[in-house]
Amino acid sequence: MIPLHFTAEDFPADADPRIVRFFADFAAVTGEGRVGYTTWTFWPADPNVHLWEAVENVWFEELSVEDYLAEHQALWEQARADGATLPIPAR
């Protein structure tokens, strides 16, 4: 969970400097509350899979947009009921 609490000094001296820089920068940026959005970060598994898998049915006109959204809403409601959602960090 963010924020992460480490710096470049936390890595071994022989660590790849690119890896050290990435993780040190990532920890610093997220520690400032600068969190990007990706579906796999905060979305529960079932709605996440549905998001990209079922949309193809809409593209091929096998499922209406309304039905797609209704299915997606139902998956979110179930995820909330099951406590499967993750907390979104404050900005």
PDB file of N, CA and C in Angstrom:
ATOM      1  N   MET A   1       0.843  -1.167   0.000  1.00  0.00           N
ATOM      2  CA  MET A   1       0.000   0.000   0.000  1.00  0.00           C
ATOM      3  C   MET A   1       0.894   1.237   0.000  1.00  0.00           C
ATOM      4  N   ILE A   2       0.432   2.260  -0.616  1.00  0.00           N
ATOM      5  CA  ILE A   2       1.193   3.497  -0.637  1.00  0.00           C
ATOM      6  C   ILE A   2       0.771   4.391   0.520  1.00  0.00           C
ATOM      7  N   PRO A   3       1.577   5.278   0.994  1.00  0.00           N
ATOM      8  CA  PRO A   3       2.888   5.603   0.450  1.00  0.00           C
ATOM      9  C   PRO A   3       3.944   4.569   0.840  1.00  0.00           C
ATOM     10  N   LEU A   4       4.934   4.469   0.014  1.00  0.00           N
ATOM     11  CA  LEU A   4       6.059   3.570   0.268  1.00  0.00           C
ATOM     12  C   LEU A   4       7.117   4.352   1.046  1.00  0.00           C
ATOM     13  N   HIS A   5       7.816   3.661   1.892  1.00  0.00           N
ATOM     14  CA  HIS A   5       8.774   4.348   2.762  1.00  0.00           C
ATOM     15  C   HIS A   5      10.180   3.793   2.561  1.00  0.00           C
ATOM     16  N   PHE A   6      10.772   4.098   1.421  1.00  0.00           N
ATOM     17  CA  PHE A   6      12.168   3.747   1.228  1.00  0.00           C
ATOM     18  C   PHE A   6      12.822   4.753   0.294  1.00  0.00           C
ATOM     19  N   THR A   7      14.148   4.763   0.329  1.00  0.00           N
ATOM     20  CA  THR A   7      14.942   5.675  -0.493  1.00  0.00           C
ATOM     21  C   THR A   7      16.034   4.868  -1.176  1.00  0.00           C
ATOM     22  N   ALA A   8      16.812   5.537  -1.993  1.00  0.00           N
ATOM     23  CA  ALA A   8      17.898   4.868  -2.711  1.00  0.00           C
ATOM     24  C   ALA A   8      18.881   4.211  -1.742  1.00  0.00           C
ATOM     25  N   GLU A   9      19.036   4.786  -0.568  1.00  0.00           N
ATOM     26  CA  GLU A   9      19.977   4.244   0.418  1.00  0.00           C
ATOM     27  C   GLU A   9      19.532   2.889   0.969  1.00  0.00           C
ATOM     28  N   ASP A  10      18.294   2.518   0.747  1.00  0.00           N
ATOM     29  CA  ASP A  10      17.786   1.236   1.235  1.00  0.00           C
ATOM     30  C   ASP A  10      18.190   0.058   0.352  1.00  0.00           C
ATOM     31  N   PHE A  11      18.764   0.333  -0.808  1.00  0.00           N
ATOM     32  CA  PHE A  11      19.131  -0.725  -1.745  1.00  0.00           C
ATOM     33  C   PHE A  11      20.605  -1.079  -1.608  1.00  0.00           C
ATOM     34  N   PRO A  12      20.953  -2.326  -1.924  1.00  0.00           N
ATOM     35  CA  PRO A  12      22.369  -2.718  -1.863  1.00  0.00           C
ATOM     36  C   PRO A  12      23.211  -1.900  -2.849  1.00  0.00           C
ATOM     37  N   ALA A  13      24.465  -1.724  -2.555  1.00  0.00           N
ATOM     38  CA  ALA A  13      25.358  -0.925  -3.396  1.00  0.00           C
ATOM     39  C   ALA A  13      25.472  -1.480  -4.808  1.00  0.00           C
ATOM     40  N   ASP A  14      25.336  -2.796  -4.967  1.00  0.00           N
ATOM     41  CA  ASP A  14      25.486  -3.388  -6.295  1.00  0.00           C
ATOM     42  C   ASP A  14      24.158  -3.518  -7.053  1.00  0.00           C
ATOM     43  N   ALA A  15      23.098  -2.901  -6.552  1.00  0.00           N
ATOM     44  CA  ALA A  15      21.799  -2.960  -7.238  1.00  0.00           C
ATOM     45  C   ALA A  15      21.859  -2.145  -8.527  1.00  0.00           C
ATOM     46  N   ASP A  16      21.114  -2.582  -9.520  1.00  0.00           N
ATOM     47  CA  ASP A  16      21.039  -1.867 -10.798  1.00  0.00           C
ATOM     48  C   ASP A  16      20.535  -0.446 -10.518  1.00  0.00           C
ATOM     49  N   PRO A  17      21.295   0.575 -10.909  1.00  0.00           N
ATOM     50  CA  PRO A  17      20.896   1.949 -10.600  1.00  0.00           C
ATOM     51  C   PRO A  17      19.564   2.358 -11.233  1.00  0.00           C
ATOM     52  N   ARG A  18      19.201   1.736 -12.332  1.00  0.00           N
ATOM     53  CA  ARG A  18      17.901   2.048 -12.954  1.00  0.00           C
ATOM     54  C   ARG A  18      16.755   1.582 -12.068  1.00  0.00           C
ATOM     55  N   ILE A  19      16.923   0.411 -11.473  1.00  0.00           N
ATOM     56  CA  ILE A  19      15.898  -0.125 -10.576  1.00  0.00           C
ATOM     57  C   ILE A  19      15.813   0.736  -9.315  1.00  0.00           C
ATOM     58  N   VAL A  20      16.964   1.079  -8.779  1.00  0.00           N
ATOM     59  CA  VAL A  20      17.004   1.916  -7.576  1.00  0.00           C
ATOM     60  C   VAL A  20      16.317   3.248  -7.847  1.00  0.00           C
ATOM     61  N   ARG A  21      16.668   3.882  -8.964  1.00  0.00           N
ATOM     62  CA  ARG A  21      16.074   5.181  -9.301  1.00  0.00           C
ATOM     63  C   ARG A  21      14.563   5.068  -9.458  1.00  0.00           C
ATOM     64  N   PHE A  22      14.106   4.019 -10.155  1.00  0.00           N
ATOM     65  CA  PHE A  22      12.662   3.853 -10.355  1.00  0.00           C
ATOM     66  C   PHE A  22      11.936   3.757  -9.018  1.00  0.00           C
ATOM     67  N   PHE A  23      12.378   2.845  -8.161  1.00  0.00           N
ATOM     68  CA  PHE A  23      11.667   2.628  -6.904  1.00  0.00           C
ATOM     69  C   PHE A  23      11.798   3.815  -5.952  1.00  0.00           C
ATOM     70  N   ALA A  24      12.949   4.456  -5.931  1.00  0.00           N
ATOM     71  CA  ALA A  24      13.110   5.637  -5.077  1.00  0.00           C
ATOM     72  C   ALA A  24      12.211   6.770  -5.565  1.00  0.00           C
ATOM     73  N   ASP A  25      12.176   6.992  -6.875  1.00  0.00           N
ATOM     74  CA  ASP A  25      11.304   8.033  -7.431  1.00  0.00           C
ATOM     75  C   ASP A  25       9.838   7.694  -7.210  1.00  0.00           C
ATOM     76  N   PHE A  26       9.486   6.435  -7.407  1.00  0.00           N
ATOM     77  CA  PHE A  26       8.095   6.009  -7.218  1.00  0.00           C
ATOM     78  C   PHE A  26       7.657   6.237  -5.773  1.00  0.00           C
ATOM     79  N   ALA A  27       8.517   5.896  -4.829  1.00  0.00           N
ATOM     80  CA  ALA A  27       8.195   6.103  -3.412  1.00  0.00           C
ATOM     81  C   ALA A  27       8.027   7.589  -3.114  1.00  0.00           C
ATOM     82  N   ALA A  28       8.898   8.415  -3.659  1.00  0.00           N
ATOM     83  CA  ALA A  28       8.823   9.857  -3.403  1.00  0.00           C
ATOM     84  C   ALA A  28       7.550  10.460  -3.992  1.00  0.00           C
ATOM     85  N   VAL A  29       7.243  10.109  -5.216  1.00  0.00           N
ATOM     86  CA  VAL A  29       6.077  10.675  -5.907  1.00  0.00           C
ATOM     87  C   VAL A  29       4.778  10.229  -5.249  1.00  0.00           C
ATOM     88  N   THR A  30       4.648   8.946  -4.971  1.00  0.00           N
ATOM     89  CA  THR A  30       3.412   8.478  -4.342  1.00  0.00           C
ATOM     90  C   THR A  30       3.295   9.010  -2.921  1.00  0.00           C
ATOM     91  N   GLY A  31       4.425   9.238  -2.268  1.00  0.00           N
ATOM     92  CA  GLY A  31       4.408   9.829  -0.935  1.00  0.00           C
ATOM     93  C   GLY A  31       3.872  11.253  -0.934  1.00  0.00           C
ATOM     94  N   GLU A  32       3.961  11.916  -2.083  1.00  0.00           N
ATOM     95  CA  GLU A  32       3.414  13.267  -2.239  1.00  0.00           C
ATOM     96  C   GLU A  32       1.933  13.232  -2.605  1.00  0.00           C
ATOM     97  N   GLY A  33       1.377  12.021  -2.745  1.00  0.00           N
ATOM     98  CA  GLY A  33      -0.032  11.903  -3.113  1.00  0.00           C
ATOM     99  C   GLY A  33      -0.273  11.901  -4.607  1.00  0.00           C
ATOM    100  N   ARG A  34       0.785  11.816  -5.377  1.00  0.00           N
ATOM    101  CA  ARG A  34       0.648  11.805  -6.835  1.00  0.00           C
ATOM    102  C   ARG A  34       0.477  10.358  -7.289  1.00  0.00           C
ATOM    103  N   VAL A  35      -0.773   9.916  -7.276  1.00  0.00           N
ATOM    104  CA  VAL A  35      -1.102   8.532  -7.593  1.00  0.00           C
ATOM    105  C   VAL A  35      -1.839   8.498  -8.918  1.00  0.00           C
ATOM    106  N   GLY A  36      -1.355   7.720  -9.850  1.00  0.00           N
ATOM    107  CA  GLY A  36      -2.030   7.570 -11.129  1.00  0.00           C
ATOM    108  C   GLY A  36      -3.171   6.582 -11.025  1.00  0.00           C
ATOM    109  N   TYR A  37      -3.928   6.474 -12.085  1.00  0.00           N
ATOM    110  CA  TYR A  37      -5.081   5.584 -12.100  1.00  0.00           C
ATOM    111  C   TYR A  37      -4.876   4.482 -13.125  1.00  0.00           C
ATOM    112  N   THR A  38      -5.039   3.276 -12.700  1.00  0.00           N
ATOM    113  CA  THR A  38      -5.123   2.132 -13.602  1.00  0.00           C
ATOM    114  C   THR A  38      -6.191   1.213 -13.042  1.00  0.00           C
ATOM    115  N   THR A  39      -6.919   0.558 -13.912  1.00  0.00           N
ATOM    116  CA  THR A  39      -8.003  -0.288 -13.421  1.00  0.00           C
ATOM    117  C   THR A  39      -7.488  -1.394 -12.524  1.00  0.00           C
ATOM    118  N   TRP A  40      -6.320  -1.943 -12.831  1.00  0.00           N
ATOM    119  CA  TRP A  40      -5.854  -3.074 -12.033  1.00  0.00           C
ATOM    120  C   TRP A  40      -5.337  -2.635 -10.667  1.00  0.00           C
ATOM    121  N   THR A  41      -5.200  -1.347 -10.437  1.00  0.00           N
ATOM    122  CA  THR A  41      -4.748  -0.879  -9.138  1.00  0.00           C
ATOM    123  C   THR A  41      -5.852  -0.907  -8.098  1.00  0.00           C
ATOM    124  N   PHE A  42      -7.024  -0.420  -8.456  1.00  0.00           N
ATOM    125  CA  PHE A  42      -8.081  -0.240  -7.470  1.00  0.00           C
ATOM    126  C   PHE A  42      -9.344  -1.038  -7.749  1.00  0.00           C
ATOM    127  N   TRP A  43      -9.456  -1.652  -8.903  1.00  0.00           N
ATOM    128  CA  TRP A  43     -10.696  -2.352  -9.244  1.00  0.00           C
ATOM    129  C   TRP A  43     -10.663  -3.789  -8.752  1.00  0.00           C
ATOM    130  N   PRO A  44     -11.780  -4.278  -8.206  1.00  0.00           N
ATOM    131  CA  PRO A  44     -11.866  -5.688  -7.812  1.00  0.00           C
ATOM    132  C   PRO A  44     -11.753  -6.586  -9.047  1.00  0.00           C
ATOM    133  N   ALA A  45     -11.396  -7.825  -8.838  1.00  0.00           N
ATOM    134  CA  ALA A  45     -11.110  -8.745  -9.942  1.00  0.00           C
ATOM    135  C   ALA A  45     -12.270  -8.899 -10.924  1.00  0.00           C
ATOM    136  N   ASP A  46     -13.461  -9.203 -10.440  1.00  0.00           N
ATOM    137  CA  ASP A  46     -14.567  -9.479 -11.368  1.00  0.00           C
ATOM    138  C   ASP A  46     -14.937  -8.274 -12.229  1.00  0.00           C
ATOM    139  N   PRO A  47     -15.130  -7.080 -11.655  1.00  0.00           N
ATOM    140  CA  PRO A  47     -15.412  -5.940 -12.524  1.00  0.00           C
ATOM    141  C   PRO A  47     -14.250  -5.611 -13.465  1.00  0.00           C
ATOM    142  N   ASN A  48     -13.030  -5.818 -13.006  1.00  0.00           N
ATOM    143  CA  ASN A  48     -11.875  -5.533 -13.852  1.00  0.00           C
ATOM    144  C   ASN A  48     -11.857  -6.428 -15.084  1.00  0.00           C
ATOM    145  N   VAL A  49     -12.050  -7.715 -14.894  1.00  0.00           N
ATOM    146  CA  VAL A  49     -12.060  -8.643 -16.029  1.00  0.00           C
ATOM    147  C   VAL A  49     -13.234  -8.326 -16.950  1.00  0.00           C
ATOM    148  N   HIS A  50     -14.382  -8.071 -16.366  1.00  0.00           N
ATOM    149  CA  HIS A  50     -15.569  -7.749 -17.166  1.00  0.00           C
ATOM    150  C   HIS A  50     -15.330  -6.512 -18.028  1.00  0.00           C
ATOM    151  N   LEU A  51     -14.636  -5.525 -17.473  1.00  0.00           N
ATOM    152  CA  LEU A  51     -14.386  -4.268 -18.162  1.00  0.00           C
ATOM    153  C   LEU A  51     -13.791  -4.488 -19.545  1.00  0.00           C
ATOM    154  N   TRP A  52     -12.743  -5.278 -19.629  1.00  0.00           N
ATOM    155  CA  TRP A  52     -12.068  -5.459 -20.913  1.00  0.00           C
ATOM    156  C   TRP A  52     -12.542  -6.683 -21.673  1.00  0.00           C
ATOM    157  N   GLU A  53     -13.101  -7.655 -20.984  1.00  0.00           N
ATOM    158  CA  GLU A  53     -13.524  -8.877 -21.669  1.00  0.00           C
ATOM    159  C   GLU A  53     -14.900  -8.712 -22.322  1.00  0.00           C
ATOM    160  N   ALA A  54     -15.854  -8.174 -21.592  1.00  0.00           N
ATOM    161  CA  ALA A  54     -17.225  -8.077 -22.102  1.00  0.00           C
ATOM    162  C   ALA A  54     -17.412  -6.930 -23.077  1.00  0.00           C
ATOM    163  N   VAL A  55     -16.523  -5.936 -23.064  1.00  0.00           N
ATOM    164  CA  VAL A  55     -16.694  -4.817 -23.987  1.00  0.00           C
ATOM    165  C   VAL A  55     -16.605  -5.285 -25.441  1.00  0.00           C
ATOM    166  N   GLU A  56     -15.890  -6.367 -25.680  1.00  0.00           N
ATOM    167  CA  GLU A  56     -15.823  -6.886 -27.047  1.00  0.00           C
ATOM    168  C   GLU A  56     -17.194  -7.328 -27.534  1.00  0.00           C
ATOM    169  N   ASN A  57     -18.037  -7.802 -26.620  1.00  0.00           N
ATOM    170  CA  ASN A  57     -19.402  -8.167 -27.005  1.00  0.00           C
ATOM    171  C   ASN A  57     -20.189  -6.941 -27.456  1.00  0.00           C
ATOM    172  N   VAL A  58     -19.888  -5.806 -26.866  1.00  0.00           N
ATOM    173  CA  VAL A  58     -20.525  -4.558 -27.294  1.00  0.00           C
ATOM    174  C   VAL A  58     -20.011  -4.173 -28.676  1.00  0.00           C
ATOM    175  N   TRP A  59     -18.710  -4.258 -28.871  1.00  0.00           N
ATOM    176  CA  TRP A  59     -18.130  -3.891 -30.163  1.00  0.00           C
ATOM    177  C   TRP A  59     -18.694  -4.734 -31.300  1.00  0.00           C
ATOM    178  N   PHE A  60     -18.938  -6.009 -31.019  1.00  0.00           N
ATOM    179  CA  PHE A  60     -19.458  -6.909 -32.051  1.00  0.00           C
ATOM    180  C   PHE A  60     -20.980  -6.954 -32.066  1.00  0.00           C
ATOM    181  N   GLU A  61     -21.589  -6.013 -31.330  1.00  0.00           N
ATOM    182  CA  GLU A  61     -23.044  -5.859 -31.277  1.00  0.00           C
ATOM    183  C   GLU A  61     -23.759  -7.118 -30.807  1.00  0.00           C
ATOM    184  N   GLU A  62     -23.094  -7.861 -29.916  1.00  0.00           N
ATOM    185  CA  GLU A  62     -23.704  -9.035 -29.300  1.00  0.00           C
ATOM    186  C   GLU A  62     -24.311  -8.688 -27.943  1.00  0.00           C
ATOM    187  N   LEU A  63     -24.038  -7.474 -27.461  1.00  0.00           N
ATOM    188  CA  LEU A  63     -24.514  -7.014 -26.166  1.00  0.00           C
ATOM    189  C   LEU A  63     -24.716  -5.505 -26.269  1.00  0.00           C
ATOM    190  N   SER A  64     -25.848  -5.025 -25.781  1.00  0.00           N
ATOM    191  CA  SER A  64     -26.090  -3.579 -25.829  1.00  0.00           C
ATOM    192  C   SER A  64     -25.235  -2.877 -24.774  1.00  0.00           C
ATOM    193  N   VAL A  65     -24.999  -1.606 -24.994  1.00  0.00           N
ATOM    194  CA  VAL A  65     -24.253  -0.812 -24.020  1.00  0.00           C
ATOM    195  C   VAL A  65     -24.983  -0.823 -22.679  1.00  0.00           C
ATOM    196  N   GLU A  66     -26.299  -0.704 -22.734  1.00  0.00           N
ATOM    197  CA  GLU A  66     -27.092  -0.690 -21.505  1.00  0.00           C
ATOM    198  C   GLU A  66     -26.934  -1.990 -20.720  1.00  0.00           C
ATOM    199  N   ASP A  67     -26.961  -3.128 -21.430  1.00  0.00           N
ATOM    200  CA  ASP A  67     -26.795  -4.417 -20.753  1.00  0.00           C
ATOM    201  C   ASP A  67     -25.373  -4.582 -20.209  1.00  0.00           C
ATOM    202  N   TYR A  68     -24.403  -4.110 -20.974  1.00  0.00           N
ATOM    203  CA  TYR A  68     -23.011  -4.154 -20.525  1.00  0.00           C
ATOM    204  C   TYR A  68     -22.853  -3.372 -19.220  1.00  0.00           C
ATOM    205  N   LEU A  69     -23.403  -2.164 -19.206  1.00  0.00           N
ATOM    206  CA  LEU A  69     -23.298  -1.331 -18.006  1.00  0.00           C
ATOM    207  C   LEU A  69     -24.061  -1.931 -16.832  1.00  0.00           C
ATOM    208  N   ALA A  70     -25.208  -2.542 -17.104  1.00  0.00           N
ATOM    209  CA  ALA A  70     -25.983  -3.182 -16.032  1.00  0.00           C
ATOM    210  C   ALA A  70     -25.204  -4.358 -15.440  1.00  0.00           C
ATOM    211  N   GLU A  71     -24.579  -5.160 -16.293  1.00  0.00           N
ATOM    212  CA  GLU A  71     -23.749  -6.270 -15.807  1.00  0.00           C
ATOM    213  C   GLU A  71     -22.605  -5.733 -14.947  1.00  0.00           C
ATOM    214  N   HIS A  72     -21.981  -4.675 -15.443  1.00  0.00           N
ATOM    215  CA  HIS A  72     -20.838  -4.105 -14.734  1.00  0.00           C
ATOM    216  C   HIS A  72     -21.262  -3.542 -13.373  1.00  0.00           C
ATOM    217  N   GLN A  73     -22.398  -2.860 -13.361  1.00  0.00           N
ATOM    218  CA  GLN A  73     -22.912  -2.320 -12.100  1.00  0.00           C
ATOM    219  C   GLN A  73     -23.177  -3.440 -11.101  1.00  0.00           C
ATOM    220  N   ALA A  74     -23.763  -4.534 -11.578  1.00  0.00           N
ATOM    221  CA  ALA A  74     -24.060  -5.669 -10.694  1.00  0.00           C
ATOM    222  C   ALA A  74     -22.773  -6.257 -10.107  1.00  0.00           C
ATOM    223  N   LEU A  75     -21.727  -6.332 -10.917  1.00  0.00           N
ATOM    224  CA  LEU A  75     -20.450  -6.851 -10.421  1.00  0.00           C
ATOM    225  C   LEU A  75     -19.857  -5.932  -9.351  1.00  0.00           C
ATOM    226  N   TRP A  76     -19.983  -4.621  -9.547  1.00  0.00           N
ATOM    227  CA  TRP A  76     -19.493  -3.677  -8.541  1.00  0.00           C
ATOM    228  C   TRP A  76     -20.295  -3.784  -7.254  1.00  0.00           C
ATOM    229  N   GLU A  77     -21.603  -3.893  -7.380  1.00  0.00           N
ATOM    230  CA  GLU A  77     -22.434  -4.016  -6.181  1.00  0.00           C
ATOM    231  C   GLU A  77     -22.073  -5.272  -5.397  1.00  0.00           C
ATOM    232  N   GLN A  78     -21.812  -6.370  -6.111  1.00  0.00           N
ATOM    233  CA  GLN A  78     -21.422  -7.609  -5.446  1.00  0.00           C
ATOM    234  C   GLN A  78     -20.054  -7.461  -4.783  1.00  0.00           C
ATOM    235  N   ALA A  79     -19.124  -6.821  -5.483  1.00  0.00           N
ATOM    236  CA  ALA A  79     -17.784  -6.612  -4.920  1.00  0.00           C
ATOM    237  C   ALA A  79     -17.856  -5.772  -3.645  1.00  0.00           C
ATOM    238  N   ARG A  80     -18.684  -4.739  -3.666  1.00  0.00           N
ATOM    239  CA  ARG A  80     -18.842  -3.916  -2.458  1.00  0.00           C
ATOM    240  C   ARG A  80     -19.456  -4.727  -1.326  1.00  0.00           C
ATOM    241  N   ALA A  81     -20.477  -5.517  -1.656  1.00  0.00           N
ATOM    242  CA  ALA A  81     -21.146  -6.346  -0.641  1.00  0.00           C
ATOM    243  C   ALA A  81     -20.184  -7.369  -0.041  1.00  0.00           C
ATOM    244  N   ASP A  82     -19.271  -7.871  -0.867  1.00  0.00           N
ATOM    245  CA  ASP A  82     -18.304  -8.876  -0.420  1.00  0.00           C
ATOM    246  C   ASP A  82     -17.081  -8.258   0.263  1.00  0.00           C
ATOM    247  N   GLY A  83     -16.998  -6.939   0.274  1.00  0.00           N
ATOM    248  CA  GLY A  83     -15.826  -6.272   0.848  1.00  0.00           C
ATOM    249  C   GLY A  83     -14.587  -6.442  -0.003  1.00  0.00           C
ATOM    250  N   ALA A  84     -14.771  -6.600  -1.318  1.00  0.00           N
ATOM    251  CA  ALA A  84     -13.654  -6.879  -2.217  1.00  0.00           C
ATOM    252  C   ALA A  84     -13.035  -5.625  -2.826  1.00  0.00           C
ATOM    253  N   THR A  85     -13.472  -4.457  -2.397  1.00  0.00           N
ATOM    254  CA  THR A  85     -12.900  -3.231  -2.945  1.00  0.00           C
ATOM    255  C   THR A  85     -11.712  -2.793  -2.099  1.00  0.00           C
ATOM    256  N   LEU A  86     -10.786  -2.110  -2.723  1.00  0.00           N
ATOM    257  CA  LEU A  86      -9.600  -1.614  -2.032  1.00  0.00           C
ATOM    258  C   LEU A  86      -9.797  -0.151  -1.672  1.00  0.00           C
ATOM    259  N   PRO A  87      -9.206   0.292  -0.585  1.00  0.00           N
ATOM    260  CA  PRO A  87      -9.310   1.716  -0.262  1.00  0.00           C
ATOM    261  C   PRO A  87      -8.505   2.540  -1.260  1.00  0.00           C
ATOM    262  N   ILE A  88      -9.057   3.658  -1.663  1.00  0.00           N
ATOM    263  CA  ILE A  88      -8.341   4.568  -2.552  1.00  0.00           C
ATOM    264  C   ILE A  88      -7.647   5.593  -1.665  1.00  0.00           C
ATOM    265  N   PRO A  89      -6.334   5.735  -1.814  1.00  0.00           N
ATOM    266  CA  PRO A  89      -5.609   6.645  -0.928  1.00  0.00           C
ATOM    267  C   PRO A  89      -6.056   8.089  -1.117  1.00  0.00           C
ATOM    268  N   ALA A  90      -6.034   8.844  -0.052  1.00  0.00           N
ATOM    269  CA  ALA A  90      -6.371  10.262  -0.117  1.00  0.00           C
ATOM    270  C   ALA A  90      -5.315  10.990  -0.928  1.00  0.00           C
ATOM    271  N   ARG A  91      -5.733  12.022  -1.620  1.00  0.00           N
ATOM    272  CA  ARG A  91      -4.793  12.831  -2.405  1.00  0.00           C
ATOM    273  C   ARG A  91      -4.456  14.084  -1.670  1.00  0.00           C
TER     274      ARG A  91
END
